[in-house]
C-alpha atoms as a PDB file:
ATOM      1  CA  MET A   1       3.171  -0.459 -64.366  1.00  0.00           C
ATOM      2  CA  LYS A   2      -0.061   0.076 -62.423  1.00  0.00           C
ATOM      3  CA  LYS A   3      -1.159  -3.496 -63.123  1.00  0.00           C
ATOM      4  CA  PHE A   4       2.077  -4.801 -61.698  1.00  0.00           C
ATOM      5  CA  SER A   5       1.758  -2.713 -58.524  1.00  0.00           C
ATOM      6  CA  ARG A   6      -1.834  -3.905 -57.984  1.00  0.00           C
ATOM      7  CA  ASN A   7      -0.761  -7.506 -58.427  1.00  0.00           C
ATOM      8  CA  LYS A   8       2.080  -6.918 -56.023  1.00  0.00           C
ATOM      9  CA  GLU A   9      -0.367  -5.537 -53.435  1.00  0.00           C
ATOM     10  CA  ARG A  10      -2.620  -8.552 -53.937  1.00  0.00           C
ATOM     11  CA  TRP A  11       0.376 -10.816 -53.479  1.00  0.00           C
ATOM     12  CA  GLU A  12       1.267  -9.036 -50.227  1.00  0.00           C
ATOM     13  CA  VAL A  13      -2.313  -9.466 -48.975  1.00  0.00           C
ATOM     14  CA  MET A  14      -2.231 -13.154 -49.892  1.00  0.00           C
ATOM     15  CA  LYS A  15       1.078 -13.552 -48.050  1.00  0.00           C
ATOM     16  CA  VAL A  16      -0.359 -11.916 -44.935  1.00  0.00           C
ATOM     17  CA  LYS A  17      -3.469 -14.135 -45.018  1.00  0.00           C
ATOM     18  CA  SER A  18      -1.426 -17.303 -45.433  1.00  0.00           C
ATOM     19  CA  HIS A  19       0.858 -16.181 -42.619  1.00  0.00           C
ATOM     20  CA  GLN A  20      -2.161 -15.636 -40.344  1.00  0.00           C
ATOM     21  CA  SER A  21      -3.514 -19.098 -41.082  1.00  0.00           C
ATOM     22  CA  SER A  22      -0.139 -20.663 -40.286  1.00  0.00           C
ATOM     23  CA  LEU A  23      -0.032 -18.676 -37.024  1.00  0.00           C
ATOM     24  CA  LYS A  24      -3.515 -19.926 -36.188  1.00  0.00           C
ATOM     25  CA  SER A  25      -2.419 -23.506 -36.741  1.00  0.00           C
ATOM     26  CA  LEU A  26       0.617 -22.898 -34.532  1.00  0.00           C
ATOM     27  CA  LEU A  27      -1.590 -21.544 -31.749  1.00  0.00           C
ATOM     28  CA  ASP A  28      -3.931 -24.518 -32.170  1.00  0.00           C
ATOM     29  CA  PHE A  29      -1.871 -26.850 -30.002  1.00  0.00           C
ATOM     30  CA  ARG A  30      -3.015 -28.931 -27.052  1.00  0.00           C
ATOM     31  CA  LEU A  31       0.119 -29.344 -24.971  1.00  0.00           C
ATOM     32  CA  GLY A  32      -0.435 -33.076 -24.632  1.00  0.00           C
ATOM     33  CA  SER A  33      -4.067 -33.142 -23.534  1.00  0.00           C
ATOM     34  CA  ASP A  34      -7.449 -32.953 -25.283  1.00  0.00           C
ATOM     35  CA  TYR A  35      -9.002 -31.261 -22.265  1.00  0.00           C
ATOM     36  CA  ILE A  36      -8.257 -27.763 -20.983  1.00  0.00           C
ATOM     37  CA  ILE A  37      -9.415 -26.429 -17.620  1.00  0.00           C
ATOM     38  CA  TYR A  38      -9.865 -22.659 -17.503  1.00  0.00           C
ATOM     39  CA  VAL A  39      -9.677 -21.173 -14.004  1.00  0.00           C
ATOM     40  CA  VAL A  40     -10.989 -17.593 -13.905  1.00  0.00           C
ATOM     41  CA  SER A  41     -10.623 -15.904 -10.551  1.00  0.00           C
ATOM     42  CA  SER A  42     -12.098 -12.489  -9.793  1.00  0.00           C
ATOM     43  CA  PHE A  43     -12.241 -10.563  -6.518  1.00  0.00           C
ATOM     44  CA  ASN A  44     -15.701 -11.990  -5.803  1.00  0.00           C
ATOM     45  CA  ASN A  45     -15.800 -15.518  -7.233  1.00  0.00           C
ATOM     46  CA  THR A  46     -13.879 -18.324  -8.961  1.00  0.00           C
ATOM     47  CA  PHE A  47     -15.100 -20.104 -12.098  1.00  0.00           C
ATOM     48  CA  ILE A  48     -13.747 -23.356 -13.541  1.00  0.00           C
ATOM     49  CA  THR A  49     -14.622 -24.435 -17.087  1.00  0.00           C
ATOM     50  CA  LEU A  50     -13.701 -27.757 -18.697  1.00  0.00           C
ATOM     51  CA  TYR A  51     -13.149 -27.363 -22.437  1.00  0.00           C
ATOM     52  CA  ASN A  52     -12.890 -30.263 -24.893  1.00  0.00           C
ATOM     53  CA  PHE A  53     -10.322 -29.299 -27.502  1.00  0.00           C
ATOM     54  CA  SER A  54     -11.245 -31.950 -30.080  1.00  0.00           C
ATOM     55  CA  LEU A  55     -14.976 -31.090 -29.980  1.00  0.00           C
ATOM     56  CA  LYS A  56     -14.178 -27.352 -29.646  1.00  0.00           C
ATOM     57  CA  LYS A  57     -16.817 -26.756 -26.995  1.00  0.00           C
ATOM     58  CA  PRO A  58     -17.038 -26.429 -23.203  1.00  0.00           C
ATOM     59  CA  LEU A  59     -18.321 -29.458 -21.310  1.00  0.00           C
ATOM     60  CA  PHE A  60     -19.257 -27.773 -18.038  1.00  0.00           C
ATOM     61  CA  THR A  61     -18.714 -24.669 -15.926  1.00  0.00           C
ATOM     62  CA  VAL A  62     -18.872 -24.477 -12.141  1.00  0.00           C
ATOM     63  CA  SER A  63     -18.445 -21.639  -9.662  1.00  0.00           C
ATOM     64  CA  CYS A  64     -18.075 -21.262  -5.910  1.00  0.00           C
ATOM     65  CA  GLY A  65     -21.742 -20.299  -5.709  1.00  0.00           C
ATOM     66  CA  LEU A  66     -22.661 -23.888  -6.660  1.00  0.00           C
ATOM     67  CA  LEU A  67     -21.016 -25.070  -3.437  1.00  0.00           C
ATOM     68  CA  GLY A  68     -23.689 -23.176  -1.503  1.00  0.00           C
ATOM     69  CA  LEU A  69     -21.388 -20.331  -0.517  1.00  0.00           C
ATOM     70  CA  LYS A  70     -22.642 -16.761  -0.551  1.00  0.00           C
ATOM     71  CA  GLY A  71     -21.078 -13.321  -0.332  1.00  0.00           C
ATOM     72  CA  ASN A  72     -17.472 -12.971   0.785  1.00  0.00           C
ATOM     73  CA  ARG A  73     -17.000 -16.703   1.293  1.00  0.00           C
ATOM     74  CA  LYS A  74     -16.988 -17.293  -2.484  1.00  0.00           C
ATOM     75  CA  SER A  75     -13.789 -15.276  -2.907  1.00  0.00           C
ATOM     76  CA  THR A  76     -11.625 -17.294  -0.492  1.00  0.00           C
ATOM     77  CA  PRO A  77      -8.847 -19.701  -1.505  1.00  0.00           C
ATOM     78  CA  PHE A  78     -10.554 -22.412   0.582  1.00  0.00           C
ATOM     79  CA  ALA A  79     -13.723 -22.148  -1.521  1.00  0.00           C
ATOM     80  CA  ALA A  80     -11.649 -22.397  -4.701  1.00  0.00           C
ATOM     81  CA  GLU A  81      -9.876 -25.463  -3.333  1.00  0.00           C
ATOM     82  CA  GLN A  82     -13.221 -27.125  -2.597  1.00  0.00           C
ATOM     83  CA  LEU A  83     -14.326 -26.214  -6.126  1.00  0.00           C
ATOM     84  CA  GLY A  84     -11.188 -27.805  -7.589  1.00  0.00           C
ATOM     85  CA  GLU A  85     -11.895 -31.017  -5.691  1.00  0.00           C
ATOM     86  CA  LYS A  86     -15.506 -31.039  -6.910  1.00  0.00           C
ATOM     87  CA  VAL A  87     -14.316 -30.591 -10.516  1.00  0.00           C
ATOM     88  CA  SER A  88     -11.816 -33.433 -10.111  1.00  0.00           C
ATOM     89  CA  PHE A  89     -14.566 -35.797  -8.930  1.00  0.00           C
ATOM     90  CA  ARG A  90     -16.577 -34.803 -11.978  1.00  0.00           C
ATOM     91  CA  LEU A  91     -13.532 -35.468 -14.183  1.00  0.00           C
ATOM     92  CA  ASP A  92     -13.225 -38.932 -12.651  1.00  0.00           C
ATOM     93  CA  SER A  93     -16.840 -39.673 -13.530  1.00  0.00           C
ATOM     94  CA  LEU A  94     -16.093 -38.601 -17.138  1.00  0.00           C
ATOM     95  CA  LYS A  95     -12.944 -40.801 -17.082  1.00  0.00           C
ATOM     96  CA  ILE A  96     -10.617 -37.844 -17.744  1.00  0.00           C
ATOM     97  CA  HIS A  97      -7.258 -38.235 -16.032  1.00  0.00           C
ATOM     98  CA  SER A  98      -4.953 -35.629 -17.609  1.00  0.00           C
ATOM     99  CA  VAL A  99      -5.688 -31.980 -18.375  1.00  0.00           C
ATOM    100  CA  SER A 100      -3.975 -28.723 -19.262  1.00  0.00           C
ATOM    101  CA  VAL A 101      -4.744 -25.779 -16.980  1.00  0.00           C
ATOM    102  CA  ARG A 102      -4.991 -22.103 -17.925  1.00  0.00           C
ATOM    103  CA  ILE A 103      -5.267 -19.616 -15.073  1.00  0.00           C
ATOM    104  CA  ARG A 104      -6.605 -16.093 -15.476  1.00  0.00           C
ATOM    105  CA  GLY A 105      -7.548 -13.333 -13.075  1.00  0.00           C
ATOM    106  CA  ILE A 106      -6.354 -11.528  -9.981  1.00  0.00           C
ATOM    107  CA  GLY A 107      -8.434 -13.122  -7.238  1.00  0.00           C
ATOM    108  CA  ALA A 108      -7.331 -15.208  -4.287  1.00  0.00           C
ATOM    109  CA  GLY A 109      -8.791 -18.423  -5.715  1.00  0.00           C
ATOM    110  CA  LYS A 110      -6.353 -18.913  -8.607  1.00  0.00           C
ATOM    111  CA  PHE A 111      -3.967 -21.231  -6.888  1.00  0.00           C
ATOM    112  CA  GLY A 112      -6.534 -22.634  -4.487  1.00  0.00           C
ATOM    113  CA  ALA A 113      -8.398 -24.204  -7.395  1.00  0.00           C
ATOM    114  CA  LEU A 114      -5.141 -25.613  -8.745  1.00  0.00           C
ATOM    115  CA  LYS A 115      -4.315 -27.015  -5.304  1.00  0.00           C
ATOM    116  CA  GLY A 116      -7.718 -28.732  -5.177  1.00  0.00           C
ATOM    117  CA  LEU A 117      -7.159 -30.366  -8.578  1.00  0.00           C
ATOM    118  CA  ILE A 118      -3.712 -31.623  -7.552  1.00  0.00           C
ATOM    119  CA  LYS A 119      -4.950 -32.856  -4.168  1.00  0.00           C
ATOM    120  CA  ALA A 120      -7.630 -35.012  -5.824  1.00  0.00           C
ATOM    121  CA  GLY A 121      -5.086 -36.704  -8.101  1.00  0.00           C
ATOM    122  CA  ILE A 122      -5.702 -35.174 -11.535  1.00  0.00           C
ATOM    123  CA  LYS A 123      -2.594 -35.287 -13.730  1.00  0.00           C
ATOM    124  CA  ILE A 124      -1.805 -31.755 -14.901  1.00  0.00           C
ATOM    125  CA  VAL A 125       0.176 -31.712 -18.146  1.00  0.00           C
ATOM    126  CA  SER A 126       0.794 -27.960 -18.319  1.00  0.00           C
ATOM    127  CA  ILE A 127      -0.078 -24.770 -16.458  1.00  0.00           C
ATOM    128  CA  ILE A 128      -0.363 -21.470 -18.326  1.00  0.00           C
ATOM    129  CA  GLU A 129      -0.850 -18.152 -16.528  1.00  0.00           C
ATOM    130  CA  SER A 130      -2.681 -15.786 -18.887  1.00  0.00           C
ATOM    131  CA  SER A 131      -3.687 -12.893 -16.624  1.00  0.00           C
ATOM    132  CA  ASP A 132      -3.911  -9.424 -18.095  1.00  0.00           C
ATOM    133  CA  LEU A 133      -1.397  -7.093 -16.502  1.00  0.00           C
ATOM    134  CA  ALA A 134      -2.031  -3.365 -16.445  1.00  0.00           C
ATOM    135  CA  TYR A 135       0.944  -1.229 -17.370  1.00  0.00           C
ATOM    136  CA  GLY A 136       1.005   2.539 -17.479  1.00  0.00           C
ATOM    137  CA  GLY A 137      -2.745   2.981 -17.318  1.00  0.00           C
ATOM    138  CA  THR A 138      -4.757   6.106 -17.952  1.00  0.00           C
ATOM    139  CA  LYS A 139      -3.634   9.597 -17.115  1.00  0.00           C
ATOM    140  CA  ALA A 140      -4.498  10.721 -13.575  1.00  0.00           C
ATOM    141  CA  LYS A 141      -6.878  13.615 -12.986  1.00  0.00           C
ATOM    142  CA  LYS A 142      -5.246  16.977 -12.576  1.00  0.00           C
ATOM    143  CA  VAL A 143      -4.998  18.314  -9.044  1.00  0.00           C
ATOM    144  CA  ARG A 144      -7.780  20.672  -8.068  1.00  0.00           C
ATOM    145  CA  ARG A 145      -6.608  24.208  -7.313  1.00  0.00           C
ATOM    146  CA  VAL A 146      -8.441  26.145  -4.619  1.00  0.00           C
END
């Protein structure tokens, strides 16, 4: 009986592993484009990374600081729009015409960067918003009694 239960446990572990690998292959989709643009927008800056899905590595990363902006000017939607246009010119030089876009963060530059890409004529196959949303949070401090 013990042998059977051990084998059964092994079988369950094997099932879980095979299920994980099938999930990984399901999540390994491109949505119609080999190139993914990641837009990460914080309160202080906006970063855009071009990722090649077939090579499984990033090709380049740019930020608003590369435009020559400093301080508060990096966090504006206008700076992100200029950054999106700069990335689109770079995509044209690489002969990339269609991309998938994934947006993350809570800054003002999220949609500015997207606007800059669209304005320059890059074909966007899909847009995925993957920002982390806080819910509940930690317990507040107790009120001080005097």
